[in-house]
């Protein structure tokens, strides 16, 4: 048997009769009104978000989440930053090959007058179990005639160091002036 246009010879093709708009009979009245334009949707995203009680609760919860996120991002405490004697400090640490390199960035604060430019820095390296493994003490003198950002640096040879804490206090300050001492902490980044 030969097929012509997908039909066997001698058979008639399938005929489909379509009545325009017949599907509208099975729709609900609300959907039919929206399709024909009798009923319009509430315009605007805000009106939709506050149209029902559930939508208002969802909008309120989203706004609260955004507010909490913004507050946490703005007010979070960073352990690797601080200020002492009119200087803003930032500690960073990274590992390279067999050594751990630590630096503390000194930047004079624009609002406060700097009292002194000499500091004693005590770097303490902590291993993976949070035990002190090595300690180094250096004296750093800020050069007021040099660049604005200056760095105090130290290095450790113990590769198992996870965190480096640095105590910074003005040179020559006594133990009674402990409130002028600041403790910075930085996790070691692997490079």
N, C-alpha and C. Protein backbone atom coordinates (compact mmCIF):
# COMPACT_ATOMS: atom_id res chain seq x y z
N UNK A 1 0.83 -1.18 0.00
CA UNK A 1 0.00 0.00 0.00
C UNK A 1 0.88 1.24 0.00
N UNK A 2 0.49 2.12 -0.81
CA UNK A 2 1.21 3.38 -0.91
C UNK A 2 0.55 4.40 0.00
N UNK A 3 1.40 5.26 0.61
CA UNK A 3 0.89 6.34 1.46
C UNK A 3 1.09 7.66 0.76
N UNK A 4 0.07 8.45 0.75
CA UNK A 4 0.16 9.78 0.17
C UNK A 4 -0.08 10.79 1.30
N UNK A 5 0.89 11.67 1.56
CA UNK A 5 0.81 12.70 2.62
C UNK A 5 0.52 12.10 3.99
N UNK A 6 1.02 10.90 4.25
CA UNK A 6 0.85 10.28 5.54
C UNK A 6 -0.45 9.51 5.70
N UNK A 7 -1.28 9.48 4.68
CA UNK A 7 -2.53 8.73 4.73
C UNK A 7 -2.47 7.60 3.71
N UNK A 8 -3.11 6.53 4.09
CA UNK A 8 -3.15 5.41 3.16
C UNK A 8 -4.03 5.78 1.98
N UNK A 9 -3.74 5.15 0.87
CA UNK A 9 -4.48 5.43 -0.35
C UNK A 9 -5.93 4.96 -0.17
N UNK A 10 -6.81 5.84 -0.44
CA UNK A 10 -8.21 5.52 -0.33
C UNK A 10 -8.84 5.97 0.98
N UNK A 11 -8.05 6.38 1.98
CA UNK A 11 -8.65 6.85 3.24
C UNK A 11 -8.70 8.37 3.23
N UNK A 12 -9.63 8.90 4.00
CA UNK A 12 -9.79 10.36 4.04
C UNK A 12 -8.96 10.94 5.19
N UNK A 13 -8.39 12.15 4.99
CA UNK A 13 -7.64 12.79 6.09
C UNK A 13 -8.57 13.19 7.22
N UNK A 14 -8.00 13.27 8.43
CA UNK A 14 -8.76 13.66 9.61
C UNK A 14 -9.12 15.13 9.51
N UNK A 15 -10.36 15.43 9.75
CA UNK A 15 -10.82 16.81 9.66
C UNK A 15 -11.11 17.30 11.07
N UNK A 16 -10.60 18.49 11.39
CA UNK A 16 -10.79 19.06 12.73
C UNK A 16 -11.66 20.30 12.59
N UNK A 17 -12.75 20.30 13.31
CA UNK A 17 -13.64 21.45 13.30
C UNK A 17 -13.42 22.22 14.58
N UNK A 18 -13.12 23.50 14.47
CA UNK A 18 -12.80 24.35 15.62
C UNK A 18 -13.82 25.47 15.69
N UNK A 19 -14.43 25.57 16.86
CA UNK A 19 -15.37 26.65 17.07
C UNK A 19 -14.66 27.71 17.89
N UNK A 20 -14.47 28.87 17.32
CA UNK A 20 -13.71 29.94 17.96
C UNK A 20 -14.38 30.35 19.27
N UNK A 21 -13.57 30.37 20.37
CA UNK A 21 -14.08 30.79 21.67
C UNK A 21 -14.77 29.70 22.45
N UNK A 22 -14.75 28.47 21.96
CA UNK A 22 -15.44 27.39 22.67
C UNK A 22 -14.76 27.04 24.00
N UNK A 23 -13.46 27.28 24.09
CA UNK A 23 -12.75 26.96 25.34
C UNK A 23 -13.16 27.89 26.47
N UNK A 24 -13.71 29.04 26.14
CA UNK A 24 -14.12 29.99 27.17
C UNK A 24 -15.30 29.44 28.00
N UNK A 25 -16.02 28.50 27.46
CA UNK A 25 -17.17 27.95 28.18
C UNK A 25 -16.73 27.18 29.42
N UNK A 26 -15.54 26.61 29.40
CA UNK A 26 -15.06 25.81 30.53
C UNK A 26 -14.30 26.63 31.57
N UNK A 27 -14.00 27.89 31.27
CA UNK A 27 -13.25 28.73 32.21
C UNK A 27 -14.17 29.27 33.30
N UNK A 28 -13.53 29.63 34.44
CA UNK A 28 -14.30 30.28 35.50
C UNK A 28 -14.62 31.70 35.08
N UNK A 29 -15.59 32.28 35.75
CA UNK A 29 -16.02 33.63 35.38
C UNK A 29 -14.91 34.66 35.61
N UNK A 30 -14.12 34.50 36.67
CA UNK A 30 -13.03 35.44 36.97
C UNK A 30 -11.99 35.43 35.86
N UNK A 31 -11.58 34.24 35.42
CA UNK A 31 -10.59 34.12 34.36
C UNK A 31 -11.15 34.68 33.06
N UNK A 32 -12.42 34.41 32.76
CA UNK A 32 -13.06 34.91 31.55
C UNK A 32 -13.10 36.44 31.56
N UNK A 33 -13.40 37.03 32.74
CA UNK A 33 -13.45 38.49 32.84
C UNK A 33 -12.07 39.11 32.64
N UNK A 34 -11.03 38.48 33.19
CA UNK A 34 -9.68 39.01 33.01
C UNK A 34 -9.24 38.91 31.55
N UNK A 35 -9.60 37.80 30.88
CA UNK A 35 -9.20 37.61 29.49
C UNK A 35 -9.92 38.57 28.55
N UNK A 36 -11.15 38.86 28.84
CA UNK A 36 -11.92 39.76 27.96
C UNK A 36 -11.72 41.22 28.32
N UNK A 37 -11.09 41.50 29.46
CA UNK A 37 -10.80 42.87 29.83
C UNK A 37 -11.85 43.51 30.73
N UNK A 38 -12.84 42.76 31.18
CA UNK A 38 -13.86 43.32 32.07
C UNK A 38 -13.28 43.61 33.45
N UNK A 39 -12.35 42.77 33.91
CA UNK A 39 -11.77 42.93 35.24
C UNK A 39 -10.27 43.11 35.09
N UNK A 40 -9.73 44.18 35.66
CA UNK A 40 -8.29 44.43 35.58
C UNK A 40 -7.62 43.99 36.87
N UNK A 41 -6.37 43.58 36.76
CA UNK A 41 -5.58 43.24 37.94
C UNK A 41 -5.22 44.52 38.69
N UNK A 42 -4.92 44.37 39.98
CA UNK A 42 -4.49 45.53 40.76
C UNK A 42 -3.15 46.01 40.22
N UNK A 43 -3.06 47.25 39.82
CA UNK A 43 -1.79 47.72 39.25
C UNK A 43 -0.76 47.99 40.35
N UNK A 44 0.50 47.78 40.01
CA UNK A 44 1.60 48.12 40.91
C UNK A 44 2.01 46.98 41.82
N UNK A 45 3.31 46.82 41.98
CA UNK A 45 3.85 45.74 42.81
C UNK A 45 3.55 45.95 44.28
N UNK A 46 3.58 47.20 44.73
CA UNK A 46 3.32 47.45 46.15
C UNK A 46 1.88 47.12 46.51
N UNK A 47 0.93 47.45 45.64
CA UNK A 47 -0.47 47.13 45.91
C UNK A 47 -0.69 45.62 45.96
N UNK A 48 0.05 44.91 45.12
CA UNK A 48 -0.06 43.45 45.13
C UNK A 48 0.54 42.89 46.42
N UNK A 49 1.67 43.45 46.87
CA UNK A 49 2.33 42.96 48.07
C UNK A 49 1.53 43.23 49.34
N UNK A 50 0.66 44.22 49.33
CA UNK A 50 -0.13 44.52 50.53
C UNK A 50 -1.60 44.19 50.35
N UNK A 51 -1.95 43.47 49.29
CA UNK A 51 -3.35 43.21 49.01
C UNK A 51 -3.97 42.20 49.98
N UNK A 52 -3.23 41.21 50.42
CA UNK A 52 -3.76 40.22 51.36
C UNK A 52 -2.91 40.18 52.62
N UNK A 53 -3.45 39.56 53.63
CA UNK A 53 -2.73 39.48 54.91
C UNK A 53 -1.44 38.66 54.76
N UNK A 54 -1.50 37.58 54.01
CA UNK A 54 -0.31 36.74 53.81
C UNK A 54 0.77 37.52 53.06
N UNK A 55 0.37 38.29 52.07
CA UNK A 55 1.35 39.08 51.33
C UNK A 55 1.98 40.15 52.21
N UNK A 56 1.18 40.77 53.08
CA UNK A 56 1.74 41.78 54.00
C UNK A 56 2.73 41.15 54.97
N UNK A 57 2.43 39.97 55.46
CA UNK A 57 3.36 39.28 56.38
C UNK A 57 4.66 38.92 55.66
N UNK A 58 4.54 38.47 54.40
CA UNK A 58 5.75 38.14 53.64
C UNK A 58 6.58 39.38 53.39
N UNK A 59 5.94 40.49 53.04
CA UNK A 59 6.67 41.73 52.82
C UNK A 59 7.36 42.20 54.10
N UNK A 60 6.66 42.11 55.22
CA UNK A 60 7.24 42.51 56.50
C UNK A 60 8.44 41.64 56.87
N UNK A 61 8.32 40.33 56.67
CA UNK A 61 9.45 39.44 56.99
C UNK A 61 10.64 39.69 56.08
N UNK A 62 10.39 39.97 54.80
CA UNK A 62 11.51 40.29 53.89
C UNK A 62 12.19 41.59 54.31
N UNK A 63 11.42 42.60 54.68
CA UNK A 63 12.02 43.86 55.12
C UNK A 63 12.83 43.68 56.40
N UNK A 64 12.34 42.85 57.31
CA UNK A 64 13.08 42.59 58.56
C UNK A 64 14.39 41.87 58.26
N UNK A 65 14.39 40.91 57.35
CA UNK A 65 15.62 40.19 56.99
C UNK A 65 16.64 41.13 56.36
N UNK A 66 16.18 41.99 55.48
CA UNK A 66 17.09 42.96 54.85
C UNK A 66 17.67 43.91 55.89
N UNK A 67 16.83 44.37 56.82
CA UNK A 67 17.31 45.29 57.86
C UNK A 67 18.34 44.61 58.76
N UNK A 68 18.09 43.38 59.16
CA UNK A 68 19.05 42.66 60.02
C UNK A 68 20.36 42.45 59.27
N UNK A 69 20.30 42.10 58.00
CA UNK A 69 21.52 41.90 57.21
C UNK A 69 22.33 43.18 57.11
N UNK A 70 21.67 44.29 56.85
CA UNK A 70 22.37 45.57 56.75
C UNK A 70 23.00 45.95 58.08
N UNK A 71 22.28 45.76 59.17
CA UNK A 71 22.82 46.10 60.50
C UNK A 71 24.03 45.24 60.83
N UNK A 72 23.96 43.96 60.54
CA UNK A 72 25.08 43.07 60.83
C UNK A 72 26.30 43.44 59.99
N UNK A 73 26.09 43.75 58.72
CA UNK A 73 27.22 44.11 57.86
C UNK A 73 27.86 45.43 58.26
N UNK A 74 27.06 46.37 58.72
CA UNK A 74 27.60 47.67 59.10
C UNK A 74 28.29 47.62 60.46
N UNK A 75 27.71 46.92 61.40
CA UNK A 75 28.21 46.97 62.78
C UNK A 75 29.07 45.79 63.19
N UNK A 76 29.37 44.88 62.27
CA UNK A 76 30.13 43.70 62.71
C UNK A 76 31.53 44.10 63.17
N UNK A 77 31.99 43.35 64.14
CA UNK A 77 33.30 43.61 64.73
C UNK A 77 34.35 42.81 63.95
N UNK A 78 35.38 43.48 63.55
CA UNK A 78 36.46 42.81 62.84
C UNK A 78 37.64 42.69 63.79
N UNK A 79 38.09 41.47 63.98
CA UNK A 79 39.19 41.23 64.90
C UNK A 79 40.52 41.70 64.38
N UNK A 80 40.64 41.87 63.07
CA UNK A 80 41.94 42.24 62.52
C UNK A 80 42.10 43.75 62.37
N UNK A 81 41.17 44.56 62.88
CA UNK A 81 41.28 46.01 62.80
C UNK A 81 41.12 46.62 64.18
N UNK A 82 41.64 47.82 64.34
CA UNK A 82 41.52 48.54 65.60
C UNK A 82 42.24 49.87 65.49
N UNK A 83 42.27 50.60 66.59
CA UNK A 83 42.99 51.88 66.60
C UNK A 83 43.61 52.09 67.97
N UNK A 84 44.76 52.75 67.95
CA UNK A 84 45.47 53.08 69.18
C UNK A 84 46.29 54.34 68.93
N UNK A 85 46.25 55.27 69.86
CA UNK A 85 47.05 56.51 69.82
C UNK A 85 46.91 57.28 68.50
N UNK A 86 45.72 57.34 67.95
CA UNK A 86 45.51 58.09 66.72
C UNK A 86 45.89 57.37 65.45
N UNK A 87 46.14 56.08 65.52
CA UNK A 87 46.46 55.29 64.34
C UNK A 87 45.40 54.21 64.15
N UNK A 88 44.99 54.01 62.90
CA UNK A 88 44.13 52.89 62.55
C UNK A 88 45.04 51.73 62.17
N UNK A 89 44.75 50.55 62.72
CA UNK A 89 45.60 49.38 62.50
C UNK A 89 44.81 48.30 61.79
N UNK A 90 45.51 47.54 60.96
CA UNK A 90 44.90 46.39 60.29
C UNK A 90 45.95 45.31 60.16
N UNK A 91 45.63 44.13 60.69
CA UNK A 91 46.57 43.01 60.64
C UNK A 91 46.16 42.03 59.56
N UNK A 92 47.15 41.49 58.86
CA UNK A 92 46.91 40.44 57.87
C UNK A 92 48.04 39.43 57.96
N UNK A 93 47.71 38.17 57.61
CA UNK A 93 48.70 37.10 57.67
C UNK A 93 48.46 36.14 56.51
N UNK A 94 49.54 35.64 55.94
CA UNK A 94 49.42 34.67 54.87
C UNK A 94 50.62 33.74 54.90
N UNK A 95 50.42 32.56 54.32
CA UNK A 95 51.51 31.58 54.24
C UNK A 95 52.02 31.54 52.81
N UNK A 96 53.33 31.42 52.70
CA UNK A 96 53.96 31.30 51.40
C UNK A 96 55.15 30.37 51.55
N UNK A 97 55.14 29.30 50.76
CA UNK A 97 56.14 28.25 50.83
C UNK A 97 56.22 27.71 52.25
N UNK A 98 57.32 27.86 52.95
CA UNK A 98 57.47 27.29 54.29
C UNK A 98 57.31 28.32 55.40
N UNK A 99 56.92 29.55 55.09
CA UNK A 99 56.86 30.61 56.10
C UNK A 99 55.46 31.21 56.21
N UNK A 100 55.21 31.82 57.37
CA UNK A 100 54.00 32.59 57.62
C UNK A 100 54.43 34.05 57.75
N UNK A 101 53.85 34.92 56.92
CA UNK A 101 54.19 36.34 56.94
C UNK A 101 53.03 37.12 57.54
N UNK A 102 53.36 38.01 58.48
CA UNK A 102 52.35 38.82 59.17
C UNK A 102 52.72 40.28 59.00
N UNK A 103 51.71 41.12 58.75
CA UNK A 103 51.96 42.55 58.67
C UNK A 103 50.84 43.30 59.37
N UNK A 104 51.21 44.41 59.99
CA UNK A 104 50.25 45.31 60.62
C UNK A 104 50.39 46.65 59.91
N UNK A 105 49.28 47.10 59.34
CA UNK A 105 49.26 48.36 58.60
C UNK A 105 48.92 49.50 59.56
N UNK A 106 49.75 50.52 59.58
CA UNK A 106 49.54 51.71 60.41
C UNK A 106 49.12 52.86 59.49
N UNK A 107 47.96 53.44 59.76
CA UNK A 107 47.47 54.60 59.01
C UNK A 107 47.03 55.65 60.02
N UNK A 108 47.56 56.86 59.95
CA UNK A 108 47.13 57.87 60.91
C UNK A 108 45.65 58.22 60.71
N UNK A 109 44.94 58.33 61.81
CA UNK A 109 43.52 58.70 61.76
C UNK A 109 43.41 60.18 61.44
N UNK A 110 42.46 60.52 60.58
CA UNK A 110 42.31 61.93 60.18
C UNK A 110 41.67 62.75 61.29
N UNK A 111 40.90 62.11 62.18
CA UNK A 111 40.19 62.87 63.20
C UNK A 111 41.00 63.08 64.48
N UNK A 112 41.92 62.17 64.78
CA UNK A 112 42.66 62.26 66.04
C UNK A 112 44.09 62.68 65.79
N UNK A 113 44.65 63.40 66.75
CA UNK A 113 46.07 63.76 66.68
C UNK A 113 46.89 62.58 67.18
N UNK A 114 47.97 62.31 66.47
CA UNK A 114 48.84 61.20 66.87
C UNK A 114 49.72 61.66 68.01
N UNK A 115 49.77 60.82 69.05
CA UNK A 115 50.55 61.16 70.25
C UNK A 115 51.98 60.68 70.14
N UNK A 116 52.15 59.49 69.61
CA UNK A 116 53.48 58.91 69.53
C UNK A 116 53.59 58.12 68.24
N UNK A 117 54.78 57.89 67.80
CA UNK A 117 54.98 57.13 66.58
C UNK A 117 55.74 55.85 66.82
N UNK A 118 56.03 55.51 68.08
CA UNK A 118 56.77 54.29 68.39
C UNK A 118 55.86 53.32 69.13
N UNK A 119 55.92 52.07 68.68
CA UNK A 119 55.05 51.04 69.24
C UNK A 119 55.83 49.76 69.48
N UNK A 120 55.36 48.98 70.44
CA UNK A 120 55.88 47.65 70.69
C UNK A 120 54.81 46.66 70.22
N UNK A 121 55.20 45.78 69.31
CA UNK A 121 54.28 44.78 68.78
C UNK A 121 54.74 43.41 69.22
N UNK A 122 53.83 42.64 69.79
CA UNK A 122 54.12 41.28 70.20
C UNK A 122 53.24 40.35 69.37
N UNK A 123 53.87 39.61 68.45
CA UNK A 123 53.14 38.66 67.60
C UNK A 123 53.17 37.29 68.26
N UNK A 124 52.01 36.66 68.38
CA UNK A 124 51.91 35.32 68.93
C UNK A 124 51.22 34.43 67.91
N UNK A 125 51.90 33.35 67.50
CA UNK A 125 51.35 32.42 66.52
C UNK A 125 50.66 31.28 67.25
N UNK A 126 49.44 30.94 66.81
CA UNK A 126 48.67 29.85 67.40
C UNK A 126 48.50 28.75 66.37
N UNK A 127 48.69 27.49 66.82
CA UNK A 127 48.57 26.37 65.91
C UNK A 127 47.11 25.96 65.73
N UNK A 128 46.88 24.86 65.04
CA UNK A 128 45.52 24.41 64.72
C UNK A 128 44.69 24.06 65.95
N UNK A 129 45.35 23.75 67.06
CA UNK A 129 44.65 23.42 68.29
C UNK A 129 44.55 24.62 69.23
N UNK A 130 44.81 25.81 68.73
CA UNK A 130 44.72 27.09 69.46
C UNK A 130 45.71 27.19 70.62
N UNK A 131 46.85 26.53 70.49
CA UNK A 131 47.92 26.67 71.47
C UNK A 131 48.99 27.60 70.90
N UNK A 132 49.57 28.48 71.74
CA UNK A 132 50.65 29.34 71.23
C UNK A 132 51.86 28.51 70.85
N UNK A 133 52.35 28.72 69.63
CA UNK A 133 53.50 27.94 69.18
C UNK A 133 54.77 28.77 69.10
N UNK A 134 54.65 30.07 68.83
CA UNK A 134 55.83 30.91 68.70
C UNK A 134 55.44 32.35 68.99
N UNK A 135 56.40 33.12 69.51
CA UNK A 135 56.13 34.52 69.82
C UNK A 135 57.32 35.38 69.40
N UNK A 136 57.01 36.53 68.80
CA UNK A 136 58.05 37.48 68.39
C UNK A 136 57.65 38.87 68.84
N UNK A 137 58.63 39.62 69.27
CA UNK A 137 58.38 41.00 69.71
C UNK A 137 59.26 41.93 68.88
N UNK A 138 58.63 42.99 68.34
CA UNK A 138 59.39 43.97 67.57
C UNK A 138 58.99 45.37 68.01
N UNK A 139 59.87 46.33 67.74
CA UNK A 139 59.58 47.75 67.99
C UNK A 139 59.43 48.41 66.63
N UNK A 140 58.35 49.16 66.47
CA UNK A 140 58.05 49.82 65.21
C UNK A 140 57.99 51.32 65.43
N UNK A 141 58.67 52.07 64.58
CA UNK A 141 58.65 53.53 64.65
C UNK A 141 57.99 54.06 63.39
N UNK A 142 56.89 54.77 63.55
CA UNK A 142 56.19 55.36 62.41
C UNK A 142 56.93 56.61 61.97
N UNK A 143 57.26 56.68 60.67
CA UNK A 143 57.96 57.82 60.11
C UNK A 143 56.92 58.83 59.62
N UNK A 144 56.76 59.95 60.34
CA UNK A 144 55.74 60.94 59.99
C UNK A 144 56.05 61.65 58.67
N UNK A 145 57.29 61.62 58.23
CA UNK A 145 57.66 62.27 56.97
C UNK A 145 57.51 61.34 55.78
N UNK A 146 57.26 60.06 56.02
CA UNK A 146 57.19 59.09 54.92
C UNK A 146 55.78 58.93 54.39
N UNK A 147 55.53 57.76 53.84
CA UNK A 147 54.22 57.46 53.28
C UNK A 147 53.17 57.41 54.38
N UNK A 148 51.92 57.61 53.98
CA UNK A 148 50.83 57.61 54.96
C UNK A 148 50.63 56.22 55.55
N UNK A 149 50.60 55.18 54.70
CA UNK A 149 50.46 53.81 55.17
C UNK A 149 51.85 53.21 55.35
N UNK A 150 52.09 52.71 56.55
CA UNK A 150 53.37 52.04 56.81
C UNK A 150 53.07 50.72 57.49
N UNK A 151 54.01 49.77 57.35
CA UNK A 151 53.77 48.41 57.79
C UNK A 151 54.85 47.94 58.76
N UNK A 152 54.41 47.21 59.77
CA UNK A 152 55.31 46.46 60.65
C UNK A 152 55.14 45.00 60.27
N UNK A 153 56.26 44.31 60.04
CA UNK A 153 56.17 42.94 59.54
C UNK A 153 56.97 41.98 60.40
N UNK A 154 56.49 40.73 60.41
CA UNK A 154 57.19 39.64 61.09
C UNK A 154 56.92 38.36 60.30
N UNK A 155 57.76 37.35 60.52
CA UNK A 155 57.54 36.07 59.85
C UNK A 155 57.80 34.94 60.82
N UNK A 156 57.12 33.83 60.59
CA UNK A 156 57.25 32.63 61.41
C UNK A 156 57.60 31.47 60.49
N UNK A 157 58.38 30.54 61.02
CA UNK A 157 58.79 29.39 60.22
C UNK A 157 57.92 28.17 60.46
N UNK A 158 57.10 28.17 61.50
CA UNK A 158 56.22 27.05 61.79
C UNK A 158 55.04 27.09 60.83
N UNK A 159 54.93 26.07 59.97
CA UNK A 159 53.89 26.08 58.94
C UNK A 159 52.52 25.67 59.49
N UNK A 160 52.43 25.16 60.70
CA UNK A 160 51.16 24.73 61.29
C UNK A 160 50.41 25.86 61.95
N UNK A 161 50.80 27.08 61.72
CA UNK A 161 50.15 28.23 62.34
C UNK A 161 48.81 28.49 61.65
N UNK A 162 47.76 28.64 62.46
CA UNK A 162 46.43 28.91 61.93
C UNK A 162 46.03 30.37 62.12
N UNK A 163 46.39 30.93 63.27
CA UNK A 163 46.02 32.31 63.62
C UNK A 163 47.23 33.01 64.21
N UNK A 164 47.34 34.32 63.91
CA UNK A 164 48.39 35.13 64.51
C UNK A 164 47.72 36.30 65.22
N UNK A 165 48.00 36.44 66.51
CA UNK A 165 47.48 37.56 67.28
C UNK A 165 48.61 38.53 67.54
N UNK A 166 48.27 39.81 67.55
CA UNK A 166 49.28 40.84 67.73
C UNK A 166 48.80 41.82 68.79
N UNK A 167 49.63 42.03 69.79
CA UNK A 167 49.36 43.02 70.82
C UNK A 167 50.18 44.27 70.48
N UNK A 168 49.48 45.42 70.37
CA UNK A 168 50.15 46.67 70.00
C UNK A 168 49.95 47.66 71.14
N UNK A 169 51.07 48.22 71.62
CA UNK A 169 50.97 49.28 72.63
C UNK A 169 52.06 50.30 72.38
N UNK A 170 51.84 51.53 72.81
CA UNK A 170 52.85 52.58 72.61
C UNK A 170 54.15 52.22 73.31
N UNK A 171 55.25 52.58 72.70
CA UNK A 171 56.57 52.31 73.27
C UNK A 171 56.74 53.09 74.57
N UNK A 172 57.21 52.43 75.60
CA UNK A 172 57.46 53.08 76.88
C UNK A 172 56.25 53.20 77.77
N UNK A 173 55.10 52.69 77.37
CA UNK A 173 53.92 52.77 78.24
C UNK A 173 54.03 51.72 79.33
N UNK A 174 53.54 52.05 80.50
CA UNK A 174 53.65 51.14 81.63
C UNK A 174 52.46 50.18 81.66
N UNK A 175 52.50 49.22 82.55
CA UNK A 175 51.42 48.25 82.70
C UNK A 175 50.14 48.91 83.17
N UNK A 176 50.24 50.02 83.89
CA UNK A 176 49.04 50.70 84.37
C UNK A 176 48.26 51.35 83.22
N UNK A 177 48.92 51.56 82.10
CA UNK A 177 48.26 52.15 80.95
C UNK A 177 47.80 51.06 79.98
N UNK A 178 47.34 49.95 80.49
CA UNK A 178 46.92 48.82 79.67
C UNK A 178 45.74 49.12 78.78
N UNK A 179 45.00 50.17 79.09
CA UNK A 179 43.84 50.50 78.26
C UNK A 179 44.26 51.01 76.89
N UNK A 180 45.50 51.43 76.74
CA UNK A 180 45.98 51.92 75.44
C UNK A 180 46.52 50.78 74.59
N UNK A 181 46.49 49.58 75.10
CA UNK A 181 46.97 48.42 74.35
C UNK A 181 45.80 47.84 73.54
N UNK A 182 46.09 47.35 72.35
CA UNK A 182 45.05 46.75 71.50
C UNK A 182 45.53 45.38 71.04
N UNK A 183 44.58 44.45 70.94
CA UNK A 183 44.88 43.09 70.51
C UNK A 183 44.22 42.84 69.17
N UNK A 184 45.01 42.51 68.16
CA UNK A 184 44.51 42.20 66.83
C UNK A 184 44.66 40.71 66.58
N UNK A 185 43.80 40.16 65.72
CA UNK A 185 43.86 38.74 65.40
C UNK A 185 43.56 38.55 63.92
N UNK A 186 44.38 37.74 63.25
CA UNK A 186 44.16 37.46 61.82
C UNK A 186 44.39 35.98 61.55
N UNK A 187 43.48 35.39 60.78
CA UNK A 187 43.67 34.01 60.34
C UNK A 187 44.64 34.01 59.18
N UNK A 188 45.42 32.94 59.08
CA UNK A 188 46.43 32.82 58.05
C UNK A 188 45.78 32.38 56.74
N UNK A 189 46.00 33.17 55.70
CA UNK A 189 45.49 32.84 54.35
C UNK A 189 46.55 32.05 53.61
N UNK A 190 46.15 31.02 52.92
CA UNK A 190 47.09 30.20 52.18
C UNK A 190 47.21 30.74 50.77
N UNK A 191 48.45 31.01 50.33
CA UNK A 191 48.68 31.50 48.97
C UNK A 191 49.55 30.55 48.21
